[in-house]
Amino acid sequence: MQEFKDWKGFINQILVDSGQFKNPVAEFKGEAEIETYKTTDKKSLTEIKVGYLKDNLLIYLQIFNPTVPGYNKYVEGEYFYQHDFSGDGKTYGNPALEFNERNRNGVLSILKNGLKGKEVQFLKNGKVLKSKLYILESDLNFNYSYDFSTRDFWKKIFGQKIDKMDGIEKREIELKSIFSGI
């Protein structure tokens, strides 16, 4: 693989050369530069947002698709930390990833392997009211739950559970169908 000097060149090369994504649109939010890559597949709504900080640091790489609102909510607050791909047992550290071989390999692995897990949605009249997100394939008891209904706080706590309501349709979406990798 070609030698790169920064995250922007590296990620751009991978996504655009794959033929699956167009050149990004860039914008600035505070101290971050965000590049949004839209898919070349006219049937897909998937886009990838990549956030960079000054000094060549990668703060996030987020995959979005409007058909999986639970997963979108999950990735909204996900950021990279200094030790995310280190094998030394350390966790977290400073925000963002330095541009080095270990971190490049970690990000490349994410892009090549795609998403894992599934989102189980509970819909009424075509609108997602609740979503359960299963990220860990090894533990189906571990999930993130998101309530998208317009019920007030007390009804969410003490009211009928959405999945038990009349007229609720259940839909499962494999996250791999949203982004299967490069």
N, C-alpha and C. Protein backbone atom coordinates (compact mmCIF):
# COMPACT_ATOMS: atom_id res chain seq x y z
N MET A 1 0.84 -1.19 0.00
CA MET A 1 0.00 0.00 0.00
C MET A 1 0.88 1.24 0.00
N GLN A 2 0.41 2.26 -0.63
CA GLN A 2 1.12 3.53 -0.74
C GLN A 2 1.37 4.13 0.65
N GLU A 3 2.46 4.83 0.80
CA GLU A 3 2.75 5.53 2.07
C GLU A 3 1.92 6.81 2.14
N PHE A 4 1.34 7.07 3.28
CA PHE A 4 0.52 8.26 3.47
C PHE A 4 1.12 9.12 4.57
N LYS A 5 0.81 10.41 4.50
CA LYS A 5 1.33 11.36 5.49
C LYS A 5 0.30 11.72 6.54
N ASP A 6 -0.97 11.47 6.21
CA ASP A 6 -2.02 11.88 7.15
C ASP A 6 -3.27 11.02 7.01
N TRP A 7 -4.16 11.17 7.99
CA TRP A 7 -5.40 10.42 8.00
C TRP A 7 -6.27 10.73 6.80
N LYS A 8 -6.35 11.99 6.42
CA LYS A 8 -7.24 12.38 5.32
C LYS A 8 -6.88 11.66 4.03
N GLY A 9 -5.61 11.64 3.69
CA GLY A 9 -5.18 10.96 2.47
C GLY A 9 -5.42 9.47 2.54
N PHE A 10 -5.14 8.88 3.70
CA PHE A 10 -5.30 7.45 3.91
C PHE A 10 -6.75 7.03 3.76
N ILE A 11 -7.65 7.67 4.49
CA ILE A 11 -9.07 7.30 4.46
C ILE A 11 -9.69 7.61 3.10
N ASN A 12 -9.34 8.75 2.54
CA ASN A 12 -9.86 9.11 1.22
C ASN A 12 -9.47 8.06 0.18
N GLN A 13 -8.22 7.65 0.20
CA GLN A 13 -7.74 6.65 -0.76
C GLN A 13 -8.53 5.35 -0.62
N ILE A 14 -8.73 4.89 0.60
CA ILE A 14 -9.43 3.63 0.83
C ILE A 14 -10.88 3.71 0.36
N LEU A 15 -11.59 4.75 0.78
CA LEU A 15 -13.02 4.85 0.46
C LEU A 15 -13.28 5.14 -1.01
N VAL A 16 -12.58 6.10 -1.57
CA VAL A 16 -12.83 6.49 -2.96
C VAL A 16 -12.31 5.41 -3.92
N ASP A 17 -11.12 4.87 -3.66
CA ASP A 17 -10.58 3.83 -4.54
C ASP A 17 -11.39 2.55 -4.52
N SER A 18 -12.17 2.33 -3.46
CA SER A 18 -13.02 1.14 -3.40
C SER A 18 -14.12 1.21 -4.44
N GLY A 19 -14.43 2.42 -4.92
CA GLY A 19 -15.53 2.60 -5.87
C GLY A 19 -16.88 2.67 -5.19
N GLN A 20 -16.90 2.50 -3.87
CA GLN A 20 -18.16 2.50 -3.13
C GLN A 20 -18.56 3.89 -2.63
N PHE A 21 -17.61 4.83 -2.63
CA PHE A 21 -17.89 6.17 -2.09
C PHE A 21 -17.34 7.25 -3.00
N LYS A 22 -18.03 8.39 -3.01
CA LYS A 22 -17.61 9.56 -3.79
C LYS A 22 -16.64 10.39 -2.97
N ASN A 23 -15.97 11.33 -3.64
CA ASN A 23 -15.11 12.27 -2.92
C ASN A 23 -15.93 12.98 -1.85
N PRO A 24 -15.31 13.28 -0.73
CA PRO A 24 -16.08 13.82 0.40
C PRO A 24 -16.41 15.30 0.26
N VAL A 25 -17.41 15.68 1.05
CA VAL A 25 -17.74 17.09 1.24
C VAL A 25 -17.22 17.43 2.63
N ALA A 26 -16.46 18.51 2.74
CA ALA A 26 -15.84 18.88 4.02
C ALA A 26 -16.56 20.08 4.65
N GLU A 27 -16.61 20.09 5.98
CA GLU A 27 -17.14 21.21 6.74
C GLU A 27 -16.37 21.29 8.06
N PHE A 28 -16.45 22.44 8.68
CA PHE A 28 -15.77 22.63 9.97
C PHE A 28 -16.81 22.84 11.05
N LYS A 29 -16.62 22.14 12.17
CA LYS A 29 -17.46 22.32 13.35
C LYS A 29 -16.52 22.52 14.52
N GLY A 30 -16.45 23.73 15.01
CA GLY A 30 -15.51 24.04 16.09
C GLY A 30 -14.09 23.78 15.61
N GLU A 31 -13.38 22.94 16.34
CA GLU A 31 -12.00 22.65 15.99
C GLU A 31 -11.87 21.40 15.13
N ALA A 32 -12.97 20.80 14.75
CA ALA A 32 -12.94 19.58 13.96
C ALA A 32 -13.29 19.85 12.50
N GLU A 33 -12.60 19.13 11.63
CA GLU A 33 -12.97 19.11 10.22
C GLU A 33 -13.68 17.79 9.98
N ILE A 34 -14.88 17.86 9.40
CA ILE A 34 -15.68 16.67 9.16
C ILE A 34 -15.81 16.47 7.66
N GLU A 35 -15.46 15.27 7.21
CA GLU A 35 -15.65 14.90 5.81
C GLU A 35 -16.77 13.87 5.75
N THR A 36 -17.70 14.10 4.82
CA THR A 36 -18.82 13.18 4.64
C THR A 36 -18.69 12.51 3.28
N TYR A 37 -18.62 11.18 3.33
CA TYR A 37 -18.52 10.37 2.11
C TYR A 37 -19.88 9.76 1.83
N LYS A 38 -20.42 10.05 0.66
CA LYS A 38 -21.71 9.47 0.25
C LYS A 38 -21.42 8.29 -0.68
N THR A 39 -22.28 7.30 -0.61
CA THR A 39 -22.10 6.09 -1.39
C THR A 39 -22.35 6.33 -2.88
N THR A 40 -21.75 5.52 -3.70
CA THR A 40 -21.97 5.59 -5.15
C THR A 40 -23.17 4.72 -5.55
N ASP A 41 -23.64 3.87 -4.64
CA ASP A 41 -24.78 2.99 -4.89
C ASP A 41 -26.06 3.79 -4.71
N LYS A 42 -26.78 4.00 -5.79
CA LYS A 42 -27.99 4.84 -5.74
C LYS A 42 -29.08 4.23 -4.86
N LYS A 43 -29.03 2.92 -4.59
CA LYS A 43 -30.04 2.27 -3.74
C LYS A 43 -29.69 2.38 -2.26
N SER A 44 -28.46 2.75 -1.94
CA SER A 44 -28.01 2.80 -0.55
C SER A 44 -28.07 4.23 -0.01
N LEU A 45 -28.40 4.36 1.24
CA LEU A 45 -28.43 5.67 1.90
C LEU A 45 -27.28 5.84 2.89
N THR A 46 -26.36 4.87 2.87
CA THR A 46 -25.24 4.88 3.82
C THR A 46 -24.26 6.00 3.49
N GLU A 47 -23.79 6.65 4.55
CA GLU A 47 -22.72 7.63 4.41
C GLU A 47 -21.76 7.46 5.58
N ILE A 48 -20.53 7.86 5.34
CA ILE A 48 -19.50 7.77 6.37
C ILE A 48 -19.02 9.17 6.69
N LYS A 49 -19.03 9.51 7.98
CA LYS A 49 -18.53 10.80 8.44
C LYS A 49 -17.23 10.57 9.19
N VAL A 50 -16.22 11.33 8.81
CA VAL A 50 -14.90 11.20 9.42
C VAL A 50 -14.51 12.54 10.02
N GLY A 51 -14.14 12.54 11.29
CA GLY A 51 -13.77 13.77 11.99
C GLY A 51 -12.28 13.81 12.28
N TYR A 52 -11.67 14.94 11.93
CA TYR A 52 -10.25 15.15 12.15
C TYR A 52 -10.04 16.34 13.07
N LEU A 53 -9.04 16.24 13.92
CA LEU A 53 -8.60 17.37 14.72
C LEU A 53 -7.26 17.84 14.18
N LYS A 54 -6.87 19.06 14.56
CA LYS A 54 -5.56 19.55 14.12
C LYS A 54 -4.47 18.59 14.60
N ASP A 55 -3.30 18.72 14.09
CA ASP A 55 -2.16 17.86 14.41
C ASP A 55 -2.35 16.44 13.92
N ASN A 56 -3.15 16.27 12.84
CA ASN A 56 -3.29 14.97 12.19
C ASN A 56 -3.83 13.90 13.13
N LEU A 57 -4.92 14.21 13.84
CA LEU A 57 -5.57 13.26 14.75
C LEU A 57 -6.94 12.89 14.21
N LEU A 58 -7.30 11.62 14.33
CA LEU A 58 -8.60 11.12 13.90
C LEU A 58 -9.49 10.97 15.12
N ILE A 59 -10.58 11.73 15.16
CA ILE A 59 -11.45 11.71 16.33
C ILE A 59 -12.60 10.71 16.15
N TYR A 60 -13.12 10.55 14.93
CA TYR A 60 -14.15 9.53 14.72
C TYR A 60 -14.29 9.14 13.26
N LEU A 61 -14.87 7.96 13.08
CA LEU A 61 -15.27 7.44 11.78
C LEU A 61 -16.62 6.80 12.03
N GLN A 62 -17.68 7.46 11.56
CA GLN A 62 -19.04 7.03 11.89
C GLN A 62 -19.81 6.68 10.62
N ILE A 63 -20.49 5.56 10.67
CA ILE A 63 -21.28 5.08 9.54
C ILE A 63 -22.74 5.32 9.88
N PHE A 64 -23.43 6.04 8.98
CA PHE A 64 -24.83 6.39 9.21
C PHE A 64 -25.71 5.86 8.08
N ASN A 65 -26.95 5.52 8.44
CA ASN A 65 -27.96 5.14 7.46
C ASN A 65 -29.31 5.38 8.13
N PRO A 66 -30.23 6.11 7.48
CA PRO A 66 -31.51 6.44 8.11
C PRO A 66 -32.40 5.23 8.41
N THR A 67 -32.11 4.08 7.81
CA THR A 67 -32.94 2.90 8.08
C THR A 67 -32.61 2.25 9.42
N VAL A 68 -31.53 2.68 10.08
CA VAL A 68 -31.16 2.12 11.39
C VAL A 68 -30.96 3.26 12.41
N PRO A 69 -32.06 3.87 12.87
CA PRO A 69 -31.94 5.01 13.78
C PRO A 69 -31.29 4.66 15.11
N GLY A 70 -31.45 3.44 15.58
CA GLY A 70 -30.81 3.02 16.83
C GLY A 70 -29.30 3.01 16.68
N TYR A 71 -28.81 2.44 15.60
CA TYR A 71 -27.36 2.41 15.36
C TYR A 71 -26.83 3.83 15.19
N ASN A 72 -27.58 4.67 14.48
CA ASN A 72 -27.15 6.07 14.30
C ASN A 72 -27.00 6.77 15.65
N LYS A 73 -27.95 6.54 16.55
CA LYS A 73 -27.90 7.15 17.88
C LYS A 73 -26.68 6.63 18.64
N TYR A 74 -26.39 5.36 18.50
CA TYR A 74 -25.24 4.74 19.16
C TYR A 74 -23.93 5.38 18.69
N VAL A 75 -23.74 5.56 17.39
CA VAL A 75 -22.46 6.07 16.90
C VAL A 75 -22.30 7.57 17.09
N GLU A 76 -23.39 8.29 17.32
CA GLU A 76 -23.30 9.74 17.53
C GLU A 76 -22.30 10.11 18.62
N GLY A 77 -22.23 9.33 19.65
CA GLY A 77 -21.35 9.66 20.77
C GLY A 77 -20.07 8.82 20.81
N GLU A 78 -19.78 8.10 19.75
CA GLU A 78 -18.60 7.24 19.73
C GLU A 78 -17.40 7.98 19.14
N TYR A 79 -16.31 7.98 19.89
CA TYR A 79 -15.08 8.65 19.45
C TYR A 79 -13.90 7.71 19.65
N PHE A 80 -12.86 7.97 18.92
CA PHE A 80 -11.62 7.21 19.11
C PHE A 80 -10.84 7.81 20.27
N TYR A 81 -10.12 6.92 20.95
CA TYR A 81 -9.20 7.34 22.01
C TYR A 81 -7.82 6.79 21.71
N GLN A 82 -6.84 7.41 22.29
CA GLN A 82 -5.44 7.14 22.04
C GLN A 82 -5.08 5.65 22.05
N HIS A 83 -5.64 4.88 22.95
CA HIS A 83 -5.24 3.49 23.11
C HIS A 83 -6.25 2.48 22.53
N ASP A 84 -7.15 2.92 21.67
CA ASP A 84 -8.18 2.02 21.14
C ASP A 84 -7.59 0.79 20.45
N PHE A 85 -6.49 0.93 19.77
CA PHE A 85 -5.91 -0.19 19.03
C PHE A 85 -4.58 -0.66 19.61
N SER A 86 -4.24 -0.18 20.80
CA SER A 86 -2.96 -0.60 21.38
C SER A 86 -3.11 -1.98 22.00
N GLY A 87 -2.07 -2.76 21.92
CA GLY A 87 -2.10 -4.10 22.47
C GLY A 87 -1.47 -4.17 23.86
N ASP A 88 -1.25 -3.01 24.47
CA ASP A 88 -0.55 -2.98 25.76
C ASP A 88 -1.48 -3.03 26.97
N GLY A 89 -2.77 -3.26 26.72
CA GLY A 89 -3.71 -3.37 27.84
C GLY A 89 -4.24 -2.03 28.32
N LYS A 90 -3.69 -0.93 27.83
CA LYS A 90 -4.20 0.38 28.24
C LYS A 90 -5.53 0.64 27.55
N THR A 91 -6.36 1.42 28.21
CA THR A 91 -7.64 1.79 27.63
C THR A 91 -7.76 3.30 27.61
N TYR A 92 -8.59 3.76 26.75
CA TYR A 92 -8.88 5.18 26.58
C TYR A 92 -7.63 6.00 26.32
N GLY A 93 -7.21 6.85 27.24
CA GLY A 93 -6.13 7.79 26.98
C GLY A 93 -6.72 9.09 26.45
N ASN A 94 -5.90 9.86 25.79
CA ASN A 94 -6.36 11.13 25.22
C ASN A 94 -7.33 10.87 24.07
N PRO A 95 -8.20 11.84 23.79
CA PRO A 95 -9.11 11.68 22.65
C PRO A 95 -8.33 11.67 21.34
N ALA A 96 -8.80 10.90 20.39
CA ALA A 96 -8.31 10.85 19.01
C ALA A 96 -7.12 9.91 18.85
N LEU A 97 -6.96 9.48 17.60
CA LEU A 97 -5.90 8.55 17.23
C LEU A 97 -4.78 9.27 16.49
N GLU A 98 -3.56 8.95 16.88
CA GLU A 98 -2.40 9.44 16.15
C GLU A 98 -2.32 8.66 14.84
N PHE A 99 -1.62 9.23 13.88
CA PHE A 99 -1.44 8.58 12.59
C PHE A 99 -0.19 7.71 12.66
N ASN A 100 -0.40 6.44 13.01
CA ASN A 100 0.72 5.50 13.04
C ASN A 100 0.23 4.16 12.49
N GLU A 101 1.15 3.23 12.30
CA GLU A 101 0.81 1.97 11.65
C GLU A 101 -0.23 1.16 12.42
N ARG A 102 -0.10 1.09 13.73
CA ARG A 102 -1.06 0.34 14.55
C ARG A 102 -2.47 0.89 14.38
N ASN A 103 -2.61 2.19 14.45
CA ASN A 103 -3.94 2.81 14.33
C ASN A 103 -4.47 2.71 12.90
N ARG A 104 -3.60 2.87 11.90
CA ARG A 104 -4.03 2.71 10.50
C ARG A 104 -4.58 1.30 10.28
N ASN A 105 -3.90 0.29 10.82
CA ASN A 105 -4.36 -1.09 10.67
C ASN A 105 -5.71 -1.29 11.36
N GLY A 106 -5.91 -0.66 12.52
CA GLY A 106 -7.19 -0.75 13.22
C GLY A 106 -8.33 -0.14 12.43
N VAL A 107 -8.10 1.04 11.88
CA VAL A 107 -9.13 1.72 11.09
C VAL A 107 -9.38 0.95 9.79
N LEU A 108 -8.32 0.47 9.17
CA LEU A 108 -8.46 -0.33 7.95
C LEU A 108 -9.29 -1.58 8.21
N SER A 109 -9.10 -2.21 9.35
CA SER A 109 -9.87 -3.39 9.72
C SER A 109 -11.36 -3.06 9.83
N ILE A 110 -11.69 -1.94 10.43
CA ILE A 110 -13.09 -1.50 10.54
C ILE A 110 -13.69 -1.33 9.15
N LEU A 111 -12.95 -0.67 8.27
CA LEU A 111 -13.45 -0.40 6.92
C LEU A 111 -13.56 -1.67 6.08
N LYS A 112 -12.64 -2.59 6.25
CA LYS A 112 -12.68 -3.84 5.46
C LYS A 112 -13.75 -4.79 5.95
N ASN A 113 -13.91 -4.90 7.27
CA ASN A 113 -14.84 -5.88 7.83
C ASN A 113 -16.29 -5.42 7.87
N GLY A 114 -16.52 -4.12 7.84
CA GLY A 114 -17.88 -3.61 7.89
C GLY A 114 -18.49 -3.71 9.27
N LEU A 115 -19.79 -3.56 9.33
CA LEU A 115 -20.51 -3.55 10.60
C LEU A 115 -20.90 -4.96 11.01
N LYS A 116 -21.01 -5.15 12.32
CA LYS A 116 -21.44 -6.43 12.88
C LYS A 116 -22.63 -6.18 13.79
N GLY A 117 -23.45 -7.19 13.94
CA GLY A 117 -24.58 -7.08 14.84
C GLY A 117 -25.88 -6.86 14.08
N LYS A 118 -26.92 -6.51 14.85
CA LYS A 118 -28.22 -6.27 14.23
C LYS A 118 -29.01 -5.25 15.04
N GLU A 119 -29.98 -4.68 14.38
CA GLU A 119 -30.92 -3.77 15.03
C GLU A 119 -32.31 -4.36 14.90
N VAL A 120 -32.99 -4.50 16.04
CA VAL A 120 -34.37 -4.98 16.05
C VAL A 120 -35.25 -3.76 16.29
N GLN A 121 -36.14 -3.52 15.36
CA GLN A 121 -36.99 -2.33 15.43
C GLN A 121 -38.44 -2.72 15.69
N PHE A 122 -39.13 -1.86 16.43
CA PHE A 122 -40.54 -2.03 16.71
C PHE A 122 -41.25 -0.83 16.09
N LEU A 123 -42.07 -1.09 15.07
CA LEU A 123 -42.69 -0.04 14.27
C LEU A 123 -44.20 -0.04 14.42
N LYS A 124 -44.76 1.14 14.27
CA LYS A 124 -46.22 1.27 14.20
C LYS A 124 -46.50 2.26 13.07
N ASN A 125 -47.33 1.84 12.14
CA ASN A 125 -47.65 2.65 10.97
C ASN A 125 -46.39 3.08 10.22
N GLY A 126 -45.42 2.19 10.14
CA GLY A 126 -44.19 2.46 9.39
C GLY A 126 -43.16 3.31 10.11
N LYS A 127 -43.46 3.75 11.33
CA LYS A 127 -42.55 4.61 12.09
C LYS A 127 -41.87 3.81 13.20
N VAL A 128 -40.55 3.94 13.30
CA VAL A 128 -39.81 3.23 14.34
C VAL A 128 -40.08 3.91 15.67
N LEU A 129 -40.66 3.14 16.62
CA LEU A 129 -40.93 3.67 17.96
C LEU A 129 -39.85 3.26 18.95
N LYS A 130 -39.26 2.11 18.71
CA LYS A 130 -38.23 1.59 19.61
C LYS A 130 -37.24 0.78 18.80
N SER A 131 -36.00 0.81 19.26
CA SER A 131 -34.96 0.05 18.59
C SER A 131 -34.08 -0.61 19.64
N LYS A 132 -33.74 -1.88 19.41
CA LYS A 132 -32.77 -2.58 20.25
C LYS A 132 -31.58 -2.92 19.37
N LEU A 133 -30.42 -2.53 19.84
CA LEU A 133 -29.20 -2.70 19.07
C LEU A 133 -28.33 -3.75 19.73
N TYR A 134 -27.99 -4.77 18.96
CA TYR A 134 -27.14 -5.88 19.43
C TYR A 134 -25.81 -5.79 18.69
N ILE A 135 -24.79 -5.29 19.37
CA ILE A 135 -23.47 -5.11 18.76
C ILE A 135 -22.58 -6.32 19.00
N LEU A 136 -22.67 -6.90 20.20
CA LEU A 136 -21.83 -8.05 20.54
C LEU A 136 -22.52 -9.34 20.11
N GLU A 137 -22.02 -9.95 19.05
CA GLU A 137 -22.62 -11.20 18.58
C GLU A 137 -22.43 -12.32 19.60
N SER A 138 -21.42 -12.20 20.45
CA SER A 138 -21.12 -13.24 21.43
C SER A 138 -22.07 -13.18 22.65
N ASP A 139 -22.78 -12.06 22.84
CA ASP A 139 -23.66 -11.91 24.00
C ASP A 139 -24.95 -11.21 23.59
N LEU A 140 -25.97 -12.00 23.25
CA LEU A 140 -27.23 -11.44 22.80
C LEU A 140 -28.06 -10.82 23.93
N ASN A 141 -27.63 -11.03 25.19
CA ASN A 141 -28.31 -10.38 26.31
C ASN A 141 -27.87 -8.93 26.46
N PHE A 142 -26.74 -8.58 25.84
CA PHE A 142 -26.22 -7.22 25.93
C PHE A 142 -26.75 -6.43 24.74
N ASN A 143 -27.52 -5.39 25.02
CA ASN A 143 -28.05 -4.56 23.94
C ASN A 143 -28.25 -3.13 24.41
N TYR A 144 -28.37 -2.25 23.45
CA TYR A 144 -28.70 -0.85 23.69
C TYR A 144 -30.13 -0.66 23.22
N SER A 145 -30.92 0.02 24.03
CA SER A 145 -32.32 0.25 23.69
C SER A 145 -32.56 1.74 23.52
N TYR A 146 -33.28 2.10 22.45
CA TYR A 146 -33.58 3.50 22.16
C TYR A 146 -35.08 3.65 21.95
N ASP A 147 -35.66 4.62 22.62
CA ASP A 147 -37.09 4.90 22.52
C ASP A 147 -37.26 6.14 21.65
N PHE A 148 -37.89 5.98 20.50
CA PHE A 148 -38.12 7.10 19.58
C PHE A 148 -39.57 7.57 19.60
N SER A 149 -40.36 7.05 20.54
CA SER A 149 -41.76 7.44 20.61
C SER A 149 -41.87 8.86 21.16
N THR A 150 -43.05 9.42 21.04
CA THR A 150 -43.28 10.78 21.54
C THR A 150 -43.95 10.76 22.91
N ARG A 151 -43.96 9.59 23.56
CA ARG A 151 -44.57 9.48 24.88
C ARG A 151 -43.79 10.31 25.89
N ASP A 152 -44.51 10.83 26.89
CA ASP A 152 -43.81 11.61 27.92
C ASP A 152 -43.03 10.68 28.85
N PHE A 153 -42.21 11.25 29.69
CA PHE A 153 -41.31 10.51 30.57
C PHE A 153 -42.06 9.47 31.40
N TRP A 154 -43.18 9.85 32.01
CA TRP A 154 -43.91 8.95 32.90
C TRP A 154 -44.52 7.78 32.14
N LYS A 155 -44.99 8.03 30.93
CA LYS A 155 -45.55 6.93 30.13
C LYS A 155 -44.45 5.98 29.67
N LYS A 156 -43.27 6.51 29.45
CA LYS A 156 -42.15 5.64 29.08
C LYS A 156 -41.77 4.73 30.24
N ILE A 157 -41.85 5.29 31.45
CA ILE A 157 -41.46 4.52 32.64
C ILE A 157 -42.57 3.56 33.07
N PHE A 158 -43.80 4.06 33.20
CA PHE A 158 -44.88 3.27 33.78
C PHE A 158 -45.91 2.77 32.77
N GLY A 159 -45.86 3.24 31.54
CA GLY A 159 -46.85 2.83 30.54
C GLY A 159 -46.54 1.47 29.94
N GLN A 160 -47.39 1.08 29.03
CA GLN A 160 -47.23 -0.20 28.36
C GLN A 160 -45.93 -0.21 27.54
N LYS A 161 -45.25 -1.34 27.54
CA LYS A 161 -44.03 -1.48 26.75
C LYS A 161 -44.38 -1.44 25.27
N ILE A 162 -43.56 -0.76 24.50
CA ILE A 162 -43.82 -0.60 23.07
C ILE A 162 -43.96 -1.94 22.36
N ASP A 163 -43.08 -2.90 22.67
CA ASP A 163 -43.13 -4.18 21.98
C ASP A 163 -44.37 -5.01 22.33
N LYS A 164 -45.15 -4.58 23.34
CA LYS A 164 -46.38 -5.29 23.73
C LYS A 164 -47.65 -4.58 23.24
N MET A 165 -47.48 -3.42 22.61
CA MET A 165 -48.65 -2.66 22.15
C MET A 165 -49.28 -3.33 20.93
N ASP A 166 -50.57 -3.05 20.73
CA ASP A 166 -51.29 -3.55 19.55
C ASP A 166 -50.77 -2.85 18.30
N GLY A 167 -50.71 -3.58 17.21
CA GLY A 167 -50.33 -3.01 15.93
C GLY A 167 -48.84 -2.80 15.73
N ILE A 168 -48.04 -3.37 16.60
CA ILE A 168 -46.59 -3.21 16.49
C ILE A 168 -46.02 -4.26 15.55
N GLU A 169 -45.23 -3.81 14.62
CA GLU A 169 -44.53 -4.70 13.68
C GLU A 169 -43.07 -4.76 14.11
N LYS A 170 -42.49 -5.94 14.05
CA LYS A 170 -41.09 -6.13 14.44
C LYS A 170 -40.27 -6.36 13.16
N ARG A 171 -39.13 -5.66 13.07
CA ARG A 171 -38.25 -5.80 11.91
C ARG A 171 -36.81 -5.93 12.40
N GLU A 172 -36.07 -6.87 11.82
CA GLU A 172 -34.65 -7.05 12.14
C GLU A 172 -33.82 -6.65 10.94
N ILE A 173 -32.78 -5.86 11.20
CA ILE A 173 -31.87 -5.44 10.14
C ILE A 173 -30.45 -5.82 10.54
N GLU A 174 -29.83 -6.65 9.73
CA GLU A 174 -28.43 -7.00 9.95
C GLU A 174 -27.60 -5.77 9.57
N LEU A 175 -26.74 -5.33 10.47
CA LEU A 175 -25.94 -4.13 10.21
C LEU A 175 -24.99 -4.33 9.02
N LYS A 176 -24.63 -5.56 8.74
CA LYS A 176 -23.77 -5.87 7.60
C LYS A 176 -24.45 -5.42 6.30
N SER A 177 -25.80 -5.42 6.27
CA SER A 177 -26.51 -4.98 5.06
C SER A 177 -26.42 -3.46 4.86
N ILE A 178 -26.09 -2.74 5.91
CA ILE A 178 -25.92 -1.29 5.84
C ILE A 178 -24.52 -0.95 5.33
N PHE A 179 -23.51 -1.67 5.86
CA PHE A 179 -22.13 -1.49 5.41
C PHE A 179 -21.39 -2.80 5.63
N SER A 180 -21.14 -3.50 4.52
CA SER A 180 -20.50 -4.82 4.60
C SER A 180 -18.98 -4.72 4.50
N GLY A 181 -18.47 -3.53 4.30
CA GLY A 181 -17.03 -3.35 4.22
C GLY A 181 -16.56 -3.05 2.80
N ILE A 182 -15.32 -2.68 2.71
CA ILE A 182 -14.70 -2.30 1.43
C ILE A 182 -14.12 -3.55 0.78
